[in-house]
């Protein structure tokens, strides 16, 4: 799938959840504090992540995010190996003055 197709699929699934909960776009908009246009835009797959989170919360579907981005657990052994190797900040290449 292309990036655009994935985004549209997210919007389609959000709409499907809303319809399964038997809610109108207007009801979702009022419950989230978003505009009706924002809800419609989200269902088209052209919205910000914060909008999706607000809508999923109202639809009692935040657990869907666990399927979308499951939490990655690092084993204690892997954590021990990484200890002391944490980067404090990113640095680019430095140019020395001549």
N, C-alpha and C. Protein backbone atom coordinates (compact mmCIF):
# COMPACT_ATOMS: atom_id res chain seq x y z
N UNK A 1 0.84 -1.19 0.00
CA UNK A 1 0.00 0.00 0.00
C UNK A 1 0.88 1.25 0.00
N UNK A 2 0.40 2.27 -0.67
CA UNK A 2 1.12 3.54 -0.66
C UNK A 2 0.83 4.26 0.65
N UNK A 3 1.59 5.30 0.93
CA UNK A 3 1.37 6.09 2.15
C UNK A 3 -0.04 6.67 2.16
N UNK A 4 -0.47 7.20 1.03
CA UNK A 4 -1.82 7.79 0.95
C UNK A 4 -2.89 6.74 1.18
N UNK A 5 -2.68 5.55 0.65
CA UNK A 5 -3.66 4.48 0.83
C UNK A 5 -3.75 4.07 2.30
N UNK A 6 -2.63 4.05 2.98
CA UNK A 6 -2.62 3.71 4.41
C UNK A 6 -3.39 4.75 5.21
N UNK A 7 -3.15 6.02 4.92
CA UNK A 7 -3.84 7.11 5.62
C UNK A 7 -5.34 7.03 5.38
N UNK A 8 -5.74 6.76 4.15
CA UNK A 8 -7.17 6.63 3.84
C UNK A 8 -7.77 5.44 4.59
N UNK A 9 -7.02 4.36 4.71
CA UNK A 9 -7.50 3.18 5.42
C UNK A 9 -7.70 3.48 6.91
N UNK A 10 -6.81 4.27 7.49
CA UNK A 10 -6.97 4.67 8.90
C UNK A 10 -8.28 5.45 9.06
N UNK A 11 -8.53 6.38 8.16
CA UNK A 11 -9.78 7.15 8.21
C UNK A 11 -11.01 6.27 8.03
N UNK A 12 -10.91 5.31 7.11
CA UNK A 12 -12.04 4.40 6.87
C UNK A 12 -12.33 3.56 8.11
N UNK A 13 -11.29 3.10 8.77
CA UNK A 13 -11.49 2.28 9.97
C UNK A 13 -12.05 3.11 11.12
N UNK A 14 -11.60 4.36 11.22
CA UNK A 14 -12.13 5.25 12.25
C UNK A 14 -13.63 5.45 12.03
N UNK A 15 -14.02 5.66 10.80
CA UNK A 15 -15.44 5.82 10.46
C UNK A 15 -16.22 4.55 10.81
N UNK A 16 -15.62 3.41 10.51
CA UNK A 16 -16.26 2.13 10.80
C UNK A 16 -16.52 1.96 12.30
N UNK A 17 -15.55 2.34 13.11
CA UNK A 17 -15.71 2.26 14.57
C UNK A 17 -16.84 3.18 15.01
N UNK A 18 -16.86 4.40 14.48
CA UNK A 18 -17.91 5.37 14.84
C UNK A 18 -19.30 4.82 14.50
N UNK A 19 -19.42 4.26 13.31
CA UNK A 19 -20.72 3.73 12.89
C UNK A 19 -21.13 2.53 13.74
N UNK A 20 -20.16 1.70 14.11
CA UNK A 20 -20.45 0.55 14.96
C UNK A 20 -20.95 1.00 16.33
N UNK A 21 -20.44 2.16 16.78
CA UNK A 21 -20.88 2.73 18.06
C UNK A 21 -22.19 3.52 17.91
N UNK A 22 -22.69 3.59 16.67
CA UNK A 22 -23.94 4.27 16.37
C UNK A 22 -23.90 5.75 16.76
N UNK A 23 -22.81 6.41 16.40
CA UNK A 23 -22.66 7.84 16.67
C UNK A 23 -22.55 8.59 15.36
N UNK A 24 -23.11 9.80 15.36
CA UNK A 24 -22.97 10.66 14.19
C UNK A 24 -21.66 11.42 14.28
N UNK A 25 -21.23 11.97 13.17
CA UNK A 25 -20.02 12.79 13.18
C UNK A 25 -20.21 13.99 14.10
N UNK A 26 -21.41 14.54 14.11
CA UNK A 26 -21.70 15.69 14.95
C UNK A 26 -21.59 15.33 16.43
N UNK A 27 -22.09 14.15 16.81
CA UNK A 27 -21.98 13.71 18.21
C UNK A 27 -20.52 13.53 18.62
N UNK A 28 -19.73 12.97 17.72
CA UNK A 28 -18.31 12.79 18.01
C UNK A 28 -17.63 14.15 18.13
N UNK A 29 -17.97 15.05 17.24
CA UNK A 29 -17.38 16.40 17.29
C UNK A 29 -17.71 17.09 18.61
N UNK A 30 -18.95 17.02 19.04
CA UNK A 30 -19.35 17.66 20.29
C UNK A 30 -18.66 17.01 21.49
N UNK A 31 -18.55 15.69 21.49
CA UNK A 31 -17.94 14.98 22.62
C UNK A 31 -16.44 15.23 22.71
N UNK A 32 -15.79 15.46 21.57
CA UNK A 32 -14.34 15.68 21.57
C UNK A 32 -13.97 17.15 21.70
N UNK A 33 -14.91 18.03 21.40
CA UNK A 33 -14.59 19.45 21.37
C UNK A 33 -13.98 19.87 20.04
N UNK A 34 -14.01 18.96 19.07
CA UNK A 34 -13.51 19.26 17.74
C UNK A 34 -14.65 19.78 16.88
N UNK A 35 -14.29 20.38 15.77
CA UNK A 35 -15.32 20.82 14.84
C UNK A 35 -15.80 19.62 14.02
N UNK A 36 -16.98 19.76 13.44
CA UNK A 36 -17.51 18.73 12.58
C UNK A 36 -16.56 18.50 11.41
N UNK A 37 -16.01 19.58 10.88
CA UNK A 37 -15.06 19.49 9.78
C UNK A 37 -13.83 18.67 10.18
N UNK A 38 -13.36 18.81 11.41
CA UNK A 38 -12.19 18.06 11.87
C UNK A 38 -12.47 16.56 11.89
N UNK A 39 -13.66 16.19 12.31
CA UNK A 39 -14.05 14.78 12.34
C UNK A 39 -14.16 14.25 10.91
N UNK A 40 -14.75 15.03 10.04
CA UNK A 40 -14.88 14.61 8.64
C UNK A 40 -13.51 14.46 8.00
N UNK A 41 -12.62 15.38 8.29
CA UNK A 41 -11.26 15.32 7.75
C UNK A 41 -10.53 14.09 8.26
N UNK A 42 -10.70 13.76 9.53
CA UNK A 42 -10.06 12.57 10.10
C UNK A 42 -10.56 11.31 9.41
N UNK A 43 -11.84 11.27 9.12
CA UNK A 43 -12.40 10.09 8.46
C UNK A 43 -11.98 9.97 7.00
N UNK A 44 -11.50 11.07 6.44
CA UNK A 44 -10.94 11.02 5.09
C UNK A 44 -9.46 10.63 5.13
N UNK A 45 -8.90 10.60 6.35
CA UNK A 45 -7.50 10.22 6.50
C UNK A 45 -6.55 11.37 6.26
N UNK A 46 -6.94 12.56 6.65
CA UNK A 46 -6.09 13.72 6.43
C UNK A 46 -6.05 14.59 7.68
N UNK A 47 -5.69 13.97 8.80
CA UNK A 47 -5.75 14.71 10.06
C UNK A 47 -4.48 14.51 10.87
N UNK A 48 -4.38 15.26 11.96
CA UNK A 48 -3.25 15.15 12.87
C UNK A 48 -3.49 14.01 13.85
N UNK A 49 -2.42 13.47 14.38
CA UNK A 49 -2.52 12.35 15.31
C UNK A 49 -3.35 12.71 16.53
N UNK A 50 -3.24 13.93 17.04
CA UNK A 50 -3.99 14.34 18.22
C UNK A 50 -5.50 14.24 17.97
N UNK A 51 -5.92 14.55 16.77
CA UNK A 51 -7.34 14.44 16.41
C UNK A 51 -7.78 12.98 16.48
N UNK A 52 -6.97 12.09 15.94
CA UNK A 52 -7.31 10.66 15.98
C UNK A 52 -7.40 10.17 17.42
N UNK A 53 -6.49 10.61 18.26
CA UNK A 53 -6.49 10.18 19.67
C UNK A 53 -7.77 10.65 20.36
N UNK A 54 -8.14 11.90 20.14
CA UNK A 54 -9.36 12.43 20.75
C UNK A 54 -10.59 11.65 20.31
N UNK A 55 -10.66 11.35 19.02
CA UNK A 55 -11.82 10.61 18.50
C UNK A 55 -11.82 9.19 19.04
N UNK A 56 -10.67 8.53 19.05
CA UNK A 56 -10.60 7.17 19.58
C UNK A 56 -10.99 7.12 21.05
N UNK A 57 -10.62 8.16 21.80
CA UNK A 57 -10.98 8.21 23.22
C UNK A 57 -12.50 8.27 23.40
N UNK A 58 -13.15 9.12 22.63
CA UNK A 58 -14.61 9.26 22.71
C UNK A 58 -15.31 7.97 22.29
N UNK A 59 -14.72 7.26 21.34
CA UNK A 59 -15.31 6.02 20.85
C UNK A 59 -14.91 4.81 21.71
N UNK A 60 -14.22 5.07 22.82
CA UNK A 60 -13.73 4.00 23.70
C UNK A 60 -12.92 2.97 22.92
N UNK A 61 -12.06 3.45 22.03
CA UNK A 61 -11.29 2.56 21.18
C UNK A 61 -9.78 2.85 21.25
N UNK A 62 -9.34 3.46 22.35
CA UNK A 62 -7.92 3.76 22.47
C UNK A 62 -7.06 2.50 22.51
N UNK A 63 -7.64 1.39 22.93
CA UNK A 63 -6.88 0.15 22.94
C UNK A 63 -6.46 -0.26 21.53
N UNK A 64 -7.08 0.32 20.51
CA UNK A 64 -6.69 0.05 19.13
C UNK A 64 -5.26 0.52 18.86
N UNK A 65 -4.81 1.49 19.62
CA UNK A 65 -3.45 1.98 19.43
C UNK A 65 -2.41 0.92 19.81
N UNK A 66 -2.75 0.02 20.72
CA UNK A 66 -1.83 -1.05 21.07
C UNK A 66 -1.57 -1.96 19.87
N UNK A 67 -2.58 -2.15 19.06
CA UNK A 67 -2.39 -2.95 17.85
C UNK A 67 -1.60 -2.17 16.80
N UNK A 68 -1.82 -0.86 16.78
CA UNK A 68 -1.16 0.00 15.80
C UNK A 68 0.32 0.16 16.12
N UNK A 69 0.62 0.45 17.36
CA UNK A 69 2.00 0.63 17.81
C UNK A 69 2.20 -0.12 19.12
N UNK A 70 2.43 -1.42 19.05
CA UNK A 70 2.59 -2.17 20.29
C UNK A 70 3.85 -1.73 21.04
N UNK A 71 3.75 -1.78 22.35
CA UNK A 71 4.89 -1.40 23.18
C UNK A 71 5.98 -2.44 23.02
N UNK A 72 7.21 -1.96 22.85
CA UNK A 72 8.35 -2.85 22.68
C UNK A 72 9.03 -3.00 24.03
N UNK A 73 9.05 -4.22 24.50
CA UNK A 73 9.71 -4.49 25.78
C UNK A 73 11.14 -4.93 25.53
N UNK A 74 12.05 -4.33 26.24
CA UNK A 74 13.46 -4.68 26.11
C UNK A 74 13.81 -5.58 27.28
N UNK A 75 14.49 -6.65 26.99
CA UNK A 75 14.85 -7.60 28.03
C UNK A 75 15.84 -6.96 29.00
N UNK A 76 15.86 -7.40 30.25
CA UNK A 76 16.82 -6.86 31.22
C UNK A 76 18.27 -7.04 30.77
N UNK A 77 18.54 -8.14 30.07
CA UNK A 77 19.89 -8.38 29.58
C UNK A 77 20.28 -7.33 28.54
N UNK A 78 19.36 -7.02 27.64
CA UNK A 78 19.63 -6.00 26.63
C UNK A 78 19.79 -4.63 27.27
N UNK A 79 19.00 -4.34 28.30
CA UNK A 79 19.14 -3.06 29.02
C UNK A 79 20.50 -2.96 29.68
N UNK A 80 20.97 -4.05 30.27
CA UNK A 80 22.28 -4.07 30.93
C UNK A 80 23.39 -3.83 29.91
N UNK A 81 23.27 -4.39 28.73
CA UNK A 81 24.29 -4.20 27.69
C UNK A 81 24.32 -2.75 27.21
N UNK A 82 23.16 -2.11 27.20
CA UNK A 82 23.08 -0.72 26.73
C UNK A 82 23.49 0.28 27.81
N UNK A 83 23.56 -0.14 29.06
CA UNK A 83 23.89 0.77 30.16
C UNK A 83 25.23 1.44 29.90
N UNK A 84 25.28 2.70 30.08
CA UNK A 84 26.50 3.46 29.88
C UNK A 84 26.72 3.86 28.44
N UNK A 85 25.92 3.39 27.54
CA UNK A 85 26.08 3.69 26.13
C UNK A 85 24.99 4.63 25.62
N UNK A 86 24.19 5.19 26.52
CA UNK A 86 23.11 6.07 26.10
C UNK A 86 23.68 7.39 25.60
N UNK A 87 23.17 7.81 24.47
CA UNK A 87 23.62 9.09 23.92
C UNK A 87 22.91 10.21 24.67
N UNK A 88 23.65 11.21 25.01
CA UNK A 88 23.08 12.34 25.71
C UNK A 88 22.52 13.37 24.73
N UNK A 89 23.14 13.45 23.56
CA UNK A 89 22.66 14.35 22.51
C UNK A 89 23.27 13.94 21.18
N UNK A 90 22.65 14.38 20.14
CA UNK A 90 23.16 14.10 18.80
C UNK A 90 24.17 15.16 18.43
N UNK A 91 25.18 14.75 17.73
CA UNK A 91 26.16 15.73 17.28
C UNK A 91 26.50 15.45 15.83
N UNK A 92 26.69 16.50 15.10
CA UNK A 92 27.06 16.38 13.70
C UNK A 92 28.57 16.37 13.56
N UNK A 93 29.04 16.37 12.35
CA UNK A 93 30.48 16.43 12.14
C UNK A 93 30.95 17.85 12.43
N UNK A 94 32.07 17.92 13.05
CA UNK A 94 32.61 19.24 13.41
C UNK A 94 33.69 19.64 12.42
N UNK A 95 33.68 20.91 12.10
CA UNK A 95 34.69 21.44 11.20
C UNK A 95 35.72 22.16 12.06
N UNK A 96 36.98 21.71 11.94
CA UNK A 96 38.05 22.35 12.73
C UNK A 96 38.51 23.60 12.02
N UNK A 97 38.74 24.66 12.82
CA UNK A 97 39.25 25.91 12.27
C UNK A 97 40.74 25.72 11.95
N UNK A 98 41.16 26.23 10.82
CA UNK A 98 42.55 26.07 10.40
C UNK A 98 43.42 27.15 10.97
